[in-house]
């Protein structure tokens, strides 16, 4: 059973940066693909970014390409989401998720691919 705990959320002005962290415990982190999703008020949860366990290949939703970077540190059992040039439209609760399915990065955009989820961390971007 994998436990995921997100941190690093907060309030930032538009154009600013935040780095989210996801600490994993209770499983073999090196064999899990990792993803970040977000859910804004009154909207469905949406895919943000993913990184594979095997070769650290990445995938991003179009709206964050060039601004967000997903990474992982297997020695630290952690995944990260560096968010730059933040916009008010990035305001949401951000969730970390882990998948033990054999997928390439493009196959990790659906939340149904993930078995384990964190509790989320709030990111608020003011204009």
Foldseek 3Di string as FASTA:
>chain_A
DKAKAKDWADEEAAQAKIKMKIAIDDDQLLQKKKFKWWDDPPGDIFGAKIAHSPPRDMDGDPVQPPFWDWDADSVRNMIMIIGGRDDQVVWTWMKMFIANDDDDRVVPGDPVRTDDIYPTDTHGYHD
